[in-house]
Structures are given as C-alpha cells and as structure tokens.
Amino acid sequence: MFIDHVHQMFAGAGVPGWVDWFGRPVATIFFFMAVEGFIHTRNQKRYMFQLLVGFWIMNLGSPIVQHFFEVGNLALSNNIFTDLYIAVLAMYGIQEISVGRRTHHSKQILLGGLAIIAPILLSLLALGLIVNPKTMMFAANLAMVIPTIMLAENGLLLYIGVFFIFSETTGSYNVLPFLFSHSLTLESTPDLPSLDSSLAIRNG
C-alpha cells in the first residue's frame, strides 16, 4: 500500500507511473482478506465494527501524520477502510437477505436491503450537501464519521469484494485472475483526476 501511493505523492519529483504497478494488486488482496475474515469470524457484527473503528482511526490519524510530513498544499483523504467497510456491509446485507428468504423473515430481508442501500443513500446525501457552500463543511465532517462511496478510494469498484464472497461460498476462485489483471490494467490508462484529488483541501 505504501508503494501504491509513492507515485501519487511524488510524481512531481519525477517518480514514474510504472511504480504503481507494484501496488495496484494490494486493494484486491485487501478485499479478498476482508471476505475471508467475514466468512470465518465468530462475530460478524464485531468484525464490521472493527473495520469502522479502523476507518475512524485513519481519518483522525491522517491529519496528524500530514502535519509532520507535508506535501505541498494538498491534503489527501485516502482511507481504504471506507472501501472495506462498505463492501463487507454489502456482503452482510446479501447474507441477511438470503437467510431471510429461506426462513421467511421479512424483517431480516429488510435489514439486509438496508445494509446494501444505506451507504448509497448516504453518499447521495453527502454529495448533495458538499456542492452547497453553506453545507460543505457539514458534509466534510459527516464523511469523517460515516463511510460513503463518494470518498471511497475505489468508488463503486469497492463492490468487487462481493464477488469474492460468491467465490468463497461456491469454492471457486476463478474471479481472482480477472480482478488481479484488471487492477494492473487500470495503470495502463491515462492518469485521471480522482475524486479524492478533487476534494483535496488546499491550505492556501
């Protein structure tokens, strides 16, 4: 993960783009391990809460680290726990819907649907707030507490974690080579400004 951000942080100093090739597969491996943890943990709710705590710690720790290691006037908002938490929450939602359908518990189905839809609705809410100068700071503070797809490093691609849970439950990992090659292919495309970059805080 450290190597994955070297080019992002030091491209202006001449670090070539191919350095990212060594870091691109990292997020895919993270998602795979998150699914393994979700499948085999004794307490899935506690596991998700631990991911949420990781999200909070990174949001609090990043400004502290940046205070001592400044890079120009940019403040990054990268937080891989955003992606992991939302992806695992979607897996939990799918699981609850599946169990609810088998046991005919409508409340469990509703809970599963809410677990999948809530991050999307919160992201739309945050997006609506952040475009308004009067509510921009409130949206930024909200995103520090609640994981949203809008600020996820991988955007909607974070849902690739869901493919892993199907591979785990069916005993087939044929999806791994595809995702691995896809993560490398991303680097062959021209550099595009990310949402994180567009939301970077300039210190004047």
N, C-alpha and C. Protein backbone atom coordinates (compact mmCIF):
# COMPACT_ATOMS: atom_id res chain seq x y z
N MET A 1 0.83 -1.20 0.00
CA MET A 1 0.00 0.00 0.00
C MET A 1 0.87 1.26 0.00
N PHE A 2 1.99 1.19 0.71
CA PHE A 2 2.92 2.33 0.71
C PHE A 2 3.44 2.60 -0.70
N ILE A 3 3.86 1.53 -1.40
CA ILE A 3 4.37 1.68 -2.76
C ILE A 3 3.29 2.21 -3.68
N ASP A 4 2.04 1.80 -3.43
CA ASP A 4 0.92 2.21 -4.27
C ASP A 4 0.72 3.72 -4.28
N HIS A 5 1.20 4.41 -3.23
CA HIS A 5 0.98 5.85 -3.14
C HIS A 5 2.24 6.68 -3.39
N VAL A 6 3.36 6.01 -3.68
CA VAL A 6 4.60 6.75 -3.92
C VAL A 6 4.47 7.65 -5.15
N HIS A 7 3.96 7.09 -6.25
CA HIS A 7 3.79 7.88 -7.47
C HIS A 7 2.78 9.01 -7.26
N GLN A 8 1.70 8.70 -6.56
CA GLN A 8 0.66 9.70 -6.31
C GLN A 8 1.23 10.91 -5.56
N MET A 9 2.12 10.65 -4.61
CA MET A 9 2.63 11.72 -3.77
C MET A 9 3.84 12.42 -4.37
N PHE A 10 4.63 11.68 -5.15
CA PHE A 10 5.90 12.24 -5.60
C PHE A 10 6.06 12.25 -7.13
N ALA A 11 4.94 12.26 -7.85
CA ALA A 11 5.01 12.33 -9.30
C ALA A 11 5.70 13.62 -9.75
N GLY A 12 5.47 14.70 -9.00
CA GLY A 12 6.09 15.98 -9.34
C GLY A 12 7.60 15.96 -9.18
N ALA A 13 8.09 15.01 -8.41
CA ALA A 13 9.54 14.91 -8.19
C ALA A 13 10.19 13.96 -9.21
N GLY A 14 9.37 13.45 -10.14
CA GLY A 14 9.91 12.62 -11.21
C GLY A 14 9.71 11.14 -11.04
N VAL A 15 8.92 10.70 -10.04
CA VAL A 15 8.66 9.26 -9.87
C VAL A 15 7.80 8.77 -11.02
N PRO A 16 8.24 7.77 -11.78
CA PRO A 16 7.48 7.30 -12.95
C PRO A 16 6.19 6.57 -12.58
N GLY A 17 5.26 6.55 -13.50
CA GLY A 17 3.97 5.93 -13.25
C GLY A 17 4.04 4.42 -13.07
N TRP A 18 5.05 3.75 -13.67
CA TRP A 18 5.11 2.30 -13.57
C TRP A 18 5.37 1.82 -12.14
N VAL A 19 5.76 2.72 -11.25
CA VAL A 19 5.95 2.34 -9.85
C VAL A 19 4.64 1.83 -9.26
N ASP A 20 3.52 2.37 -9.76
CA ASP A 20 2.20 1.95 -9.27
C ASP A 20 1.90 0.48 -9.56
N TRP A 21 2.57 -0.09 -10.56
CA TRP A 21 2.28 -1.49 -10.92
C TRP A 21 2.47 -2.42 -9.74
N PHE A 22 3.42 -2.10 -8.88
CA PHE A 22 3.72 -2.98 -7.75
C PHE A 22 2.69 -2.84 -6.62
N GLY A 23 1.91 -1.76 -6.67
CA GLY A 23 0.93 -1.54 -5.61
C GLY A 23 -0.50 -1.77 -6.03
N ARG A 24 -0.77 -1.85 -7.34
CA ARG A 24 -2.14 -1.99 -7.82
C ARG A 24 -2.86 -3.21 -7.26
N PRO A 25 -2.21 -4.39 -7.13
CA PRO A 25 -2.95 -5.57 -6.65
C PRO A 25 -3.31 -5.51 -5.17
N VAL A 26 -2.78 -4.53 -4.44
CA VAL A 26 -2.93 -4.53 -2.98
C VAL A 26 -4.40 -4.46 -2.56
N ALA A 27 -5.17 -3.55 -3.17
CA ALA A 27 -6.58 -3.40 -2.79
C ALA A 27 -7.35 -4.69 -3.03
N THR A 28 -7.04 -5.38 -4.16
CA THR A 28 -7.70 -6.64 -4.46
C THR A 28 -7.42 -7.67 -3.37
N ILE A 29 -6.17 -7.73 -2.92
CA ILE A 29 -5.80 -8.65 -1.85
C ILE A 29 -6.51 -8.27 -0.55
N PHE A 30 -6.61 -6.97 -0.27
CA PHE A 30 -7.31 -6.50 0.93
C PHE A 30 -8.76 -6.97 0.92
N PHE A 31 -9.43 -6.84 -0.23
CA PHE A 31 -10.83 -7.26 -0.32
C PHE A 31 -10.96 -8.76 -0.10
N PHE A 32 -10.04 -9.52 -0.69
CA PHE A 32 -10.06 -10.96 -0.52
C PHE A 32 -9.91 -11.34 0.96
N MET A 33 -8.97 -10.70 1.64
CA MET A 33 -8.75 -11.00 3.06
C MET A 33 -9.94 -10.54 3.90
N ALA A 34 -10.59 -9.44 3.50
CA ALA A 34 -11.77 -8.96 4.23
C ALA A 34 -12.90 -9.99 4.15
N VAL A 35 -13.07 -10.60 2.98
CA VAL A 35 -14.09 -11.63 2.83
C VAL A 35 -13.74 -12.86 3.67
N GLU A 36 -12.47 -13.25 3.65
CA GLU A 36 -12.05 -14.39 4.46
C GLU A 36 -12.34 -14.12 5.94
N GLY A 37 -12.06 -12.90 6.38
CA GLY A 37 -12.34 -12.54 7.77
C GLY A 37 -13.83 -12.57 8.07
N PHE A 38 -14.62 -12.06 7.13
CA PHE A 38 -16.07 -12.01 7.32
C PHE A 38 -16.67 -13.41 7.38
N ILE A 39 -16.18 -14.30 6.51
CA ILE A 39 -16.70 -15.66 6.44
C ILE A 39 -16.35 -16.46 7.69
N HIS A 40 -15.14 -16.28 8.20
CA HIS A 40 -14.64 -17.17 9.25
C HIS A 40 -14.67 -16.56 10.66
N THR A 41 -15.03 -15.29 10.79
CA THR A 41 -15.07 -14.70 12.12
C THR A 41 -16.20 -15.30 12.94
N ARG A 42 -16.01 -15.29 14.26
CA ARG A 42 -17.06 -15.80 15.15
C ARG A 42 -18.17 -14.78 15.36
N ASN A 43 -17.85 -13.52 15.15
CA ASN A 43 -18.82 -12.45 15.39
C ASN A 43 -18.73 -11.44 14.25
N GLN A 44 -19.64 -11.56 13.28
CA GLN A 44 -19.59 -10.72 12.09
C GLN A 44 -19.85 -9.25 12.42
N LYS A 45 -20.74 -8.99 13.35
CA LYS A 45 -21.05 -7.60 13.69
C LYS A 45 -19.84 -6.92 14.35
N ARG A 46 -19.15 -7.65 15.21
CA ARG A 46 -17.96 -7.09 15.83
C ARG A 46 -16.87 -6.86 14.79
N TYR A 47 -16.78 -7.77 13.82
CA TYR A 47 -15.81 -7.64 12.74
C TYR A 47 -16.07 -6.36 11.94
N MET A 48 -17.34 -6.11 11.62
CA MET A 48 -17.68 -4.89 10.88
C MET A 48 -17.41 -3.65 11.71
N PHE A 49 -17.67 -3.74 13.01
CA PHE A 49 -17.40 -2.60 13.89
C PHE A 49 -15.90 -2.31 13.94
N GLN A 50 -15.09 -3.34 13.92
CA GLN A 50 -13.64 -3.15 13.94
C GLN A 50 -13.17 -2.45 12.66
N LEU A 51 -13.77 -2.78 11.53
CA LEU A 51 -13.46 -2.08 10.28
C LEU A 51 -13.87 -0.61 10.38
N LEU A 52 -15.02 -0.36 11.02
CA LEU A 52 -15.48 1.01 11.20
C LEU A 52 -14.53 1.80 12.10
N VAL A 53 -14.02 1.15 13.15
CA VAL A 53 -13.05 1.79 14.04
C VAL A 53 -11.77 2.10 13.26
N GLY A 54 -11.36 1.19 12.38
CA GLY A 54 -10.20 1.45 11.54
C GLY A 54 -10.41 2.67 10.65
N PHE A 55 -11.63 2.82 10.15
CA PHE A 55 -11.99 3.99 9.34
C PHE A 55 -11.85 5.28 10.17
N TRP A 56 -12.34 5.26 11.38
CA TRP A 56 -12.24 6.44 12.24
C TRP A 56 -10.79 6.76 12.59
N ILE A 57 -10.00 5.73 12.91
CA ILE A 57 -8.60 5.95 13.29
C ILE A 57 -7.82 6.56 12.14
N MET A 58 -8.05 6.08 10.92
CA MET A 58 -7.33 6.64 9.78
C MET A 58 -7.74 8.08 9.52
N ASN A 59 -9.02 8.38 9.70
CA ASN A 59 -9.48 9.76 9.50
C ASN A 59 -8.88 10.71 10.53
N LEU A 60 -8.68 10.22 11.74
CA LEU A 60 -8.06 11.05 12.77
C LEU A 60 -6.55 11.10 12.62
N GLY A 61 -5.96 9.98 12.20
CA GLY A 61 -4.51 9.91 12.11
C GLY A 61 -3.91 10.59 10.90
N SER A 62 -4.62 10.61 9.79
CA SER A 62 -4.09 11.21 8.56
C SER A 62 -3.71 12.68 8.73
N PRO A 63 -4.56 13.52 9.33
CA PRO A 63 -4.17 14.92 9.53
C PRO A 63 -2.95 15.07 10.44
N ILE A 64 -2.83 14.18 11.42
CA ILE A 64 -1.68 14.24 12.33
C ILE A 64 -0.39 13.92 11.59
N VAL A 65 -0.43 12.85 10.79
CA VAL A 65 0.75 12.47 10.00
C VAL A 65 1.10 13.57 9.02
N GLN A 66 0.08 14.12 8.37
CA GLN A 66 0.32 15.16 7.38
C GLN A 66 0.89 16.43 7.99
N HIS A 67 0.60 16.67 9.24
CA HIS A 67 1.15 17.84 9.92
C HIS A 67 2.67 17.77 9.97
N PHE A 68 3.19 16.56 10.12
CA PHE A 68 4.64 16.37 10.21
C PHE A 68 5.30 16.08 8.87
N PHE A 69 4.50 15.59 7.90
CA PHE A 69 5.04 15.26 6.58
C PHE A 69 4.17 15.93 5.52
N GLU A 70 4.40 17.20 5.28
CA GLU A 70 3.60 17.95 4.31
C GLU A 70 4.08 17.68 2.89
N VAL A 71 3.13 17.66 1.95
CA VAL A 71 3.44 17.52 0.53
C VAL A 71 2.75 18.67 -0.19
N GLY A 72 3.48 19.76 -0.34
CA GLY A 72 2.89 20.93 -0.98
C GLY A 72 1.73 21.46 -0.16
N ASN A 73 0.65 21.79 -0.86
CA ASN A 73 -0.52 22.33 -0.18
C ASN A 73 -1.72 21.40 -0.29
N LEU A 74 -1.45 20.11 -0.48
CA LEU A 74 -2.54 19.14 -0.65
C LEU A 74 -2.76 18.33 0.61
N ALA A 75 -4.01 18.01 0.86
CA ALA A 75 -4.38 17.13 1.97
C ALA A 75 -5.15 15.95 1.39
N LEU A 76 -4.59 14.75 1.49
CA LEU A 76 -5.24 13.57 0.93
C LEU A 76 -6.30 13.03 1.88
N SER A 77 -7.31 12.41 1.28
CA SER A 77 -8.39 11.85 2.10
C SER A 77 -8.52 10.34 1.89
N ASN A 78 -7.44 9.71 1.40
CA ASN A 78 -7.48 8.27 1.15
C ASN A 78 -7.71 7.49 2.45
N ASN A 79 -8.61 6.51 2.37
CA ASN A 79 -8.90 5.67 3.54
C ASN A 79 -9.46 4.34 3.04
N ILE A 80 -8.61 3.32 2.97
CA ILE A 80 -9.02 2.03 2.42
C ILE A 80 -10.10 1.38 3.28
N PHE A 81 -10.19 1.76 4.56
CA PHE A 81 -11.21 1.17 5.42
C PHE A 81 -12.62 1.60 4.98
N THR A 82 -12.72 2.72 4.27
CA THR A 82 -14.01 3.12 3.71
C THR A 82 -14.51 2.03 2.77
N ASP A 83 -13.65 1.62 1.86
CA ASP A 83 -14.00 0.60 0.88
C ASP A 83 -14.29 -0.74 1.54
N LEU A 84 -13.41 -1.13 2.48
CA LEU A 84 -13.57 -2.43 3.11
C LEU A 84 -14.85 -2.51 3.93
N TYR A 85 -15.16 -1.44 4.66
CA TYR A 85 -16.36 -1.46 5.49
C TYR A 85 -17.63 -1.54 4.64
N ILE A 86 -17.72 -0.71 3.61
CA ILE A 86 -18.92 -0.69 2.78
C ILE A 86 -19.08 -2.02 2.03
N ALA A 87 -17.97 -2.58 1.54
CA ALA A 87 -18.03 -3.86 0.83
C ALA A 87 -18.49 -4.98 1.77
N VAL A 88 -17.92 -5.03 2.97
CA VAL A 88 -18.31 -6.07 3.93
C VAL A 88 -19.75 -5.87 4.37
N LEU A 89 -20.18 -4.61 4.52
CA LEU A 89 -21.57 -4.33 4.87
C LEU A 89 -22.50 -4.86 3.79
N ALA A 90 -22.11 -4.72 2.52
CA ALA A 90 -22.91 -5.25 1.42
C ALA A 90 -22.98 -6.78 1.48
N MET A 91 -21.85 -7.40 1.83
CA MET A 91 -21.84 -8.86 1.98
C MET A 91 -22.79 -9.29 3.09
N TYR A 92 -22.75 -8.55 4.20
CA TYR A 92 -23.65 -8.84 5.31
C TYR A 92 -25.11 -8.70 4.87
N GLY A 93 -25.38 -7.67 4.08
CA GLY A 93 -26.74 -7.46 3.59
C GLY A 93 -27.21 -8.60 2.70
N ILE A 94 -26.34 -9.05 1.80
CA ILE A 94 -26.68 -10.18 0.93
C ILE A 94 -26.94 -11.43 1.75
N GLN A 95 -26.11 -11.64 2.75
CA GLN A 95 -26.29 -12.81 3.62
C GLN A 95 -27.62 -12.75 4.35
N GLU A 96 -27.97 -11.58 4.89
CA GLU A 96 -29.23 -11.44 5.63
C GLU A 96 -30.43 -11.64 4.73
N ILE A 97 -30.37 -11.13 3.51
CA ILE A 97 -31.47 -11.31 2.56
C ILE A 97 -31.63 -12.79 2.23
N SER A 98 -30.50 -13.47 2.01
CA SER A 98 -30.54 -14.91 1.68
C SER A 98 -31.14 -15.73 2.82
N VAL A 99 -30.69 -15.45 4.04
CA VAL A 99 -31.21 -16.18 5.20
C VAL A 99 -32.68 -15.84 5.43
N GLY A 100 -33.02 -14.57 5.29
CA GLY A 100 -34.40 -14.14 5.48
C GLY A 100 -35.36 -14.78 4.51
N ARG A 101 -34.92 -14.96 3.28
CA ARG A 101 -35.77 -15.61 2.27
C ARG A 101 -35.97 -17.09 2.59
N ARG A 102 -34.91 -17.73 3.10
CA ARG A 102 -35.04 -19.16 3.44
C ARG A 102 -35.93 -19.37 4.66
N THR A 103 -35.84 -18.44 5.61
CA THR A 103 -36.60 -18.60 6.86
C THR A 103 -37.91 -17.81 6.85
N HIS A 104 -38.15 -17.08 5.75
CA HIS A 104 -39.37 -16.28 5.58
C HIS A 104 -39.49 -15.21 6.68
N HIS A 105 -38.37 -14.58 7.01
CA HIS A 105 -38.35 -13.46 7.96
C HIS A 105 -38.22 -12.15 7.19
N SER A 106 -39.32 -11.45 7.06
CA SER A 106 -39.31 -10.21 6.28
C SER A 106 -38.42 -9.14 6.90
N LYS A 107 -38.34 -9.12 8.24
CA LYS A 107 -37.51 -8.11 8.91
C LYS A 107 -36.03 -8.32 8.57
N GLN A 108 -35.62 -9.56 8.47
CA GLN A 108 -34.23 -9.86 8.14
C GLN A 108 -33.92 -9.46 6.70
N ILE A 109 -34.89 -9.67 5.82
CA ILE A 109 -34.73 -9.24 4.42
C ILE A 109 -34.62 -7.72 4.35
N LEU A 110 -35.46 -7.03 5.11
CA LEU A 110 -35.44 -5.57 5.15
C LEU A 110 -34.10 -5.06 5.68
N LEU A 111 -33.58 -5.72 6.73
CA LEU A 111 -32.30 -5.33 7.31
C LEU A 111 -31.17 -5.50 6.29
N GLY A 112 -31.21 -6.61 5.56
CA GLY A 112 -30.20 -6.84 4.54
C GLY A 112 -30.25 -5.81 3.44
N GLY A 113 -31.47 -5.49 2.99
CA GLY A 113 -31.61 -4.46 1.96
C GLY A 113 -31.12 -3.11 2.43
N LEU A 114 -31.39 -2.79 3.69
CA LEU A 114 -30.95 -1.51 4.25
C LEU A 114 -29.42 -1.45 4.33
N ALA A 115 -28.79 -2.57 4.68
CA ALA A 115 -27.32 -2.61 4.76
C ALA A 115 -26.68 -2.33 3.40
N ILE A 116 -27.34 -2.74 2.33
CA ILE A 116 -26.81 -2.52 0.98
C ILE A 116 -27.10 -1.10 0.50
N ILE A 117 -28.31 -0.62 0.75
CA ILE A 117 -28.76 0.66 0.20
C ILE A 117 -28.26 1.86 1.01
N ALA A 118 -28.12 1.71 2.34
CA ALA A 118 -27.77 2.84 3.20
C ALA A 118 -26.52 3.59 2.75
N PRO A 119 -25.39 2.91 2.45
CA PRO A 119 -24.20 3.65 2.01
C PRO A 119 -24.43 4.46 0.73
N ILE A 120 -25.27 3.91 -0.16
CA ILE A 120 -25.56 4.62 -1.41
C ILE A 120 -26.38 5.87 -1.14
N LEU A 121 -27.40 5.76 -0.28
CA LEU A 121 -28.23 6.91 0.05
C LEU A 121 -27.44 7.97 0.80
N LEU A 122 -26.57 7.54 1.72
CA LEU A 122 -25.75 8.48 2.48
C LEU A 122 -24.76 9.19 1.56
N SER A 123 -24.27 8.48 0.56
CA SER A 123 -23.34 9.09 -0.40
C SER A 123 -24.05 10.16 -1.23
N LEU A 124 -25.28 9.87 -1.64
CA LEU A 124 -26.06 10.86 -2.39
C LEU A 124 -26.36 12.07 -1.53
N LEU A 125 -26.65 11.83 -0.25
CA LEU A 125 -26.89 12.93 0.67
C LEU A 125 -25.64 13.80 0.84
N ALA A 126 -24.50 13.14 1.05
CA ALA A 126 -23.24 13.87 1.21
C ALA A 126 -22.89 14.65 -0.05
N LEU A 127 -23.15 14.06 -1.21
CA LEU A 127 -22.87 14.73 -2.48
C LEU A 127 -23.74 15.97 -2.64
N GLY A 128 -25.02 15.85 -2.25
CA GLY A 128 -25.92 16.99 -2.32
C GLY A 128 -25.51 18.11 -1.37
N LEU A 129 -24.95 17.74 -0.23
CA LEU A 129 -24.54 18.74 0.76
C LEU A 129 -23.22 19.40 0.39
N ILE A 130 -22.32 18.64 -0.21
CA ILE A 130 -20.98 19.16 -0.45
C ILE A 130 -20.93 20.17 -1.60
N VAL A 131 -21.93 20.13 -2.49
CA VAL A 131 -21.95 21.08 -3.60
C VAL A 131 -22.52 22.43 -3.18
N ASN A 132 -23.08 22.47 -1.99
CA ASN A 132 -23.63 23.72 -1.45
C ASN A 132 -22.60 24.34 -0.51
N PRO A 133 -22.11 25.54 -0.79
CA PRO A 133 -21.10 26.17 0.06
C PRO A 133 -21.53 26.28 1.53
N LYS A 134 -22.84 26.42 1.76
CA LYS A 134 -23.32 26.58 3.13
C LYS A 134 -23.26 25.28 3.92
N THR A 135 -23.33 24.16 3.23
CA THR A 135 -23.34 22.86 3.93
C THR A 135 -22.10 22.03 3.62
N MET A 136 -21.12 22.64 2.93
CA MET A 136 -19.93 21.90 2.53
C MET A 136 -19.16 21.36 3.72
N MET A 137 -18.95 22.18 4.74
CA MET A 137 -18.19 21.75 5.91
C MET A 137 -18.93 20.67 6.69
N PHE A 138 -20.26 20.79 6.75
CA PHE A 138 -21.05 19.76 7.42
C PHE A 138 -20.89 18.42 6.70
N ALA A 139 -20.91 18.46 5.36
CA ALA A 139 -20.74 17.24 4.57
C ALA A 139 -19.36 16.64 4.80
N ALA A 140 -18.33 17.51 4.88
CA ALA A 140 -16.97 17.02 5.11
C ALA A 140 -16.85 16.36 6.48
N ASN A 141 -17.47 16.96 7.48
CA ASN A 141 -17.45 16.38 8.83
C ASN A 141 -18.24 15.09 8.90
N LEU A 142 -19.36 15.04 8.16
CA LEU A 142 -20.18 13.84 8.12
C LEU A 142 -19.39 12.68 7.51
N ALA A 143 -18.61 12.99 6.46
CA ALA A 143 -17.82 11.96 5.79
C ALA A 143 -16.67 11.45 6.66
N MET A 144 -16.31 12.23 7.68
CA MET A 144 -15.26 11.79 8.61
C MET A 144 -15.78 10.74 9.59
N VAL A 145 -17.10 10.72 9.76
CA VAL A 145 -17.72 9.82 10.74
C VAL A 145 -18.42 8.63 10.07
N ILE A 146 -19.01 8.88 8.91
CA ILE A 146 -19.79 7.85 8.22
C ILE A 146 -19.13 7.52 6.88
N PRO A 147 -18.75 6.27 6.64
CA PRO A 147 -18.15 5.88 5.35
C PRO A 147 -19.13 6.08 4.20
N THR A 148 -18.68 6.73 3.15
CA THR A 148 -19.52 6.96 1.99
C THR A 148 -18.79 6.53 0.72
N ILE A 149 -19.53 6.06 -0.26
CA ILE A 149 -18.95 5.62 -1.52
C ILE A 149 -18.27 6.79 -2.21
N MET A 150 -18.81 7.99 -2.01
CA MET A 150 -18.30 9.18 -2.66
C MET A 150 -16.82 9.40 -2.36
N LEU A 151 -16.38 9.06 -1.15
CA LEU A 151 -14.99 9.27 -0.76
C LEU A 151 -14.18 7.97 -0.70
N ALA A 152 -14.75 6.89 -1.21
CA ALA A 152 -14.02 5.62 -1.24
C ALA A 152 -12.91 5.70 -2.28
N GLU A 153 -11.79 5.08 -1.98
CA GLU A 153 -10.65 5.11 -2.90
C GLU A 153 -11.00 4.47 -4.24
N ASN A 154 -11.79 3.41 -4.21
CA ASN A 154 -12.10 2.67 -5.43
C ASN A 154 -13.49 2.97 -5.98
N GLY A 155 -14.19 3.93 -5.37
CA GLY A 155 -15.53 4.26 -5.84
C GLY A 155 -16.44 3.05 -5.84
N LEU A 156 -17.23 2.91 -6.89
CA LEU A 156 -18.15 1.77 -6.98
C LEU A 156 -17.42 0.44 -7.14
N LEU A 157 -16.14 0.51 -7.53
CA LEU A 157 -15.36 -0.72 -7.68
C LEU A 157 -15.14 -1.42 -6.35
N LEU A 158 -15.44 -0.74 -5.25
CA LEU A 158 -15.28 -1.39 -3.94
C LEU A 158 -16.18 -2.63 -3.82
N TYR A 159 -17.23 -2.66 -4.65
CA TYR A 159 -18.14 -3.80 -4.58
C TYR A 159 -17.57 -5.06 -5.20
N ILE A 160 -16.30 -4.99 -5.68
CA ILE A 160 -15.67 -6.22 -6.16
C ILE A 160 -15.54 -7.21 -5.01
N GLY A 161 -15.53 -6.70 -3.79
CA GLY A 161 -15.46 -7.59 -2.64
C GLY A 161 -16.62 -8.57 -2.60
N VAL A 162 -17.76 -8.14 -3.14
CA VAL A 162 -18.94 -9.00 -3.16
C VAL A 162 -18.69 -10.23 -4.03
N PHE A 163 -17.91 -10.06 -5.12
CA PHE A 163 -17.60 -11.21 -5.98
C PHE A 163 -16.82 -12.26 -5.21
N PHE A 164 -15.99 -11.81 -4.28
CA PHE A 164 -15.18 -12.75 -3.51
C PHE A 164 -16.05 -13.63 -2.62
N ILE A 165 -17.13 -13.06 -2.07
CA ILE A 165 -17.96 -13.87 -1.18
C ILE A 165 -18.67 -14.96 -1.96
N PHE A 166 -19.02 -14.67 -3.22
CA PHE A 166 -19.63 -15.71 -4.04
C PHE A 166 -18.59 -16.78 -4.40
N SER A 167 -17.35 -16.37 -4.64
CA SER A 167 -16.29 -17.32 -4.94
C SER A 167 -16.01 -18.20 -3.74
N GLU A 168 -16.05 -17.59 -2.53
CA GLU A 168 -15.80 -18.33 -1.30
C GLU A 168 -16.89 -19.36 -1.05
N THR A 169 -18.14 -18.96 -1.24
CA THR A 169 -19.25 -19.86 -0.93
C THR A 169 -19.41 -20.96 -1.96
N THR A 170 -18.95 -20.71 -3.22
CA THR A 170 -19.06 -21.74 -4.25
C THR A 170 -17.79 -22.57 -4.36
N GLY A 171 -16.74 -22.15 -3.63
CA GLY A 171 -15.50 -22.91 -3.65
C GLY A 171 -14.68 -22.68 -4.90
N SER A 172 -15.00 -21.62 -5.66
CA SER A 172 -14.26 -21.32 -6.87
C SER A 172 -13.64 -19.94 -6.78
N TYR A 173 -12.37 -19.83 -7.16
CA TYR A 173 -11.68 -18.55 -7.11
C TYR A 173 -11.28 -18.11 -8.52
N ASN A 174 -12.08 -18.50 -9.51
CA ASN A 174 -11.77 -18.13 -10.88
C ASN A 174 -11.82 -16.63 -11.10
N VAL A 175 -12.48 -15.92 -10.22
CA VAL A 175 -12.59 -14.47 -10.37
C VAL A 175 -11.29 -13.78 -10.02
N LEU A 176 -10.41 -14.43 -9.27
CA LEU A 176 -9.17 -13.79 -8.82
C LEU A 176 -8.28 -13.34 -9.97
N PRO A 177 -8.00 -14.20 -10.97
CA PRO A 177 -7.14 -13.73 -12.06
C PRO A 177 -7.71 -12.52 -12.78
N PHE A 178 -9.05 -12.51 -12.95
CA PHE A 178 -9.68 -11.37 -13.63
C PHE A 178 -9.48 -10.09 -12.86
N LEU A 179 -9.74 -10.13 -11.56
CA LEU A 179 -9.60 -8.93 -10.75
C LEU A 179 -8.15 -8.49 -10.65
N PHE A 180 -7.24 -9.46 -10.58
CA PHE A 180 -5.83 -9.13 -10.49
C PHE A 180 -5.37 -8.44 -11.76
N SER A 181 -5.76 -9.00 -12.93
CA SER A 181 -5.36 -8.40 -14.20
C SER A 181 -6.02 -7.04 -14.39
N HIS A 182 -7.27 -6.91 -13.89
CA HIS A 182 -7.98 -5.63 -14.01
C HIS A 182 -7.28 -4.56 -13.21
N SER A 183 -6.78 -4.92 -12.04
CA SER A 183 -6.11 -3.93 -11.20
C SER A 183 -4.83 -3.44 -11.86
N LEU A 184 -4.17 -4.31 -12.65
CA LEU A 184 -2.98 -3.89 -13.36
C LEU A 184 -3.32 -3.09 -14.60
N THR A 185 -4.44 -3.44 -15.25
CA THR A 185 -4.86 -2.73 -16.45
C THR A 185 -5.19 -1.28 -16.15
N LEU A 186 -5.68 -1.02 -14.95
CA LEU A 186 -6.01 0.36 -14.58
C LEU A 186 -4.82 1.28 -14.76
N GLU A 187 -3.61 0.74 -14.55
CA GLU A 187 -2.43 1.57 -14.63
C GLU A 187 -2.06 1.92 -16.06
N SER A 188 -2.56 1.15 -17.04
CA SER A 188 -2.22 1.39 -18.43
C SER A 188 -3.03 2.51 -19.03
N THR A 189 -4.08 2.95 -18.32
CA THR A 189 -4.91 4.05 -18.79
C THR A 189 -4.29 5.37 -18.38
N PRO A 190 -4.59 6.47 -19.09
CA PRO A 190 -4.03 7.77 -18.72
C PRO A 190 -4.48 8.16 -17.33
N ASP A 191 -3.61 8.92 -16.64
CA ASP A 191 -3.95 9.37 -15.30
C ASP A 191 -5.14 10.30 -15.35
N LEU A 192 -6.15 10.02 -14.54
CA LEU A 192 -7.34 10.85 -14.47
C LEU A 192 -7.46 11.40 -13.06
N PRO A 193 -7.96 12.61 -12.90
CA PRO A 193 -8.12 13.16 -11.56
C PRO A 193 -9.13 12.37 -10.77
N SER A 194 -8.76 11.93 -9.59
CA SER A 194 -9.67 11.15 -8.74
C SER A 194 -10.55 12.07 -7.94
N LEU A 195 -11.62 11.49 -7.36
CA LEU A 195 -12.50 12.29 -6.52
C LEU A 195 -11.75 12.78 -5.29
N ASP A 196 -10.84 11.93 -4.79
CA ASP A 196 -10.03 12.36 -3.65
C ASP A 196 -9.24 13.60 -3.98
N SER A 197 -8.68 13.63 -5.20
CA SER A 197 -7.89 14.78 -5.60
C SER A 197 -8.75 16.03 -5.72
N SER A 198 -9.95 15.84 -6.29
CA SER A 198 -10.84 16.98 -6.48
C SER A 198 -11.35 17.54 -5.16
N LEU A 199 -11.36 16.69 -4.13
CA LEU A 199 -11.82 17.14 -2.84
C LEU A 199 -10.67 17.49 -1.91
N ALA A 200 -9.45 17.49 -2.47
CA ALA A 200 -8.29 17.80 -1.64
C ALA A 200 -8.41 19.21 -1.07
N ILE A 201 -8.01 19.37 0.16
CA ILE A 201 -8.11 20.65 0.85
C ILE A 201 -6.85 21.44 0.61
N ARG A 202 -6.98 22.61 0.09
CA ARG A 202 -5.84 23.45 -0.17
C ARG A 202 -5.66 24.41 1.01
N ASN A 203 -4.41 24.45 1.45
CA ASN A 203 -4.11 25.26 2.62
C ASN A 203 -3.73 26.69 2.29
N GLY A 204 -4.02 27.08 1.09
CA GLY A 204 -3.70 28.45 0.70
C GLY A 204 -2.27 28.57 0.28
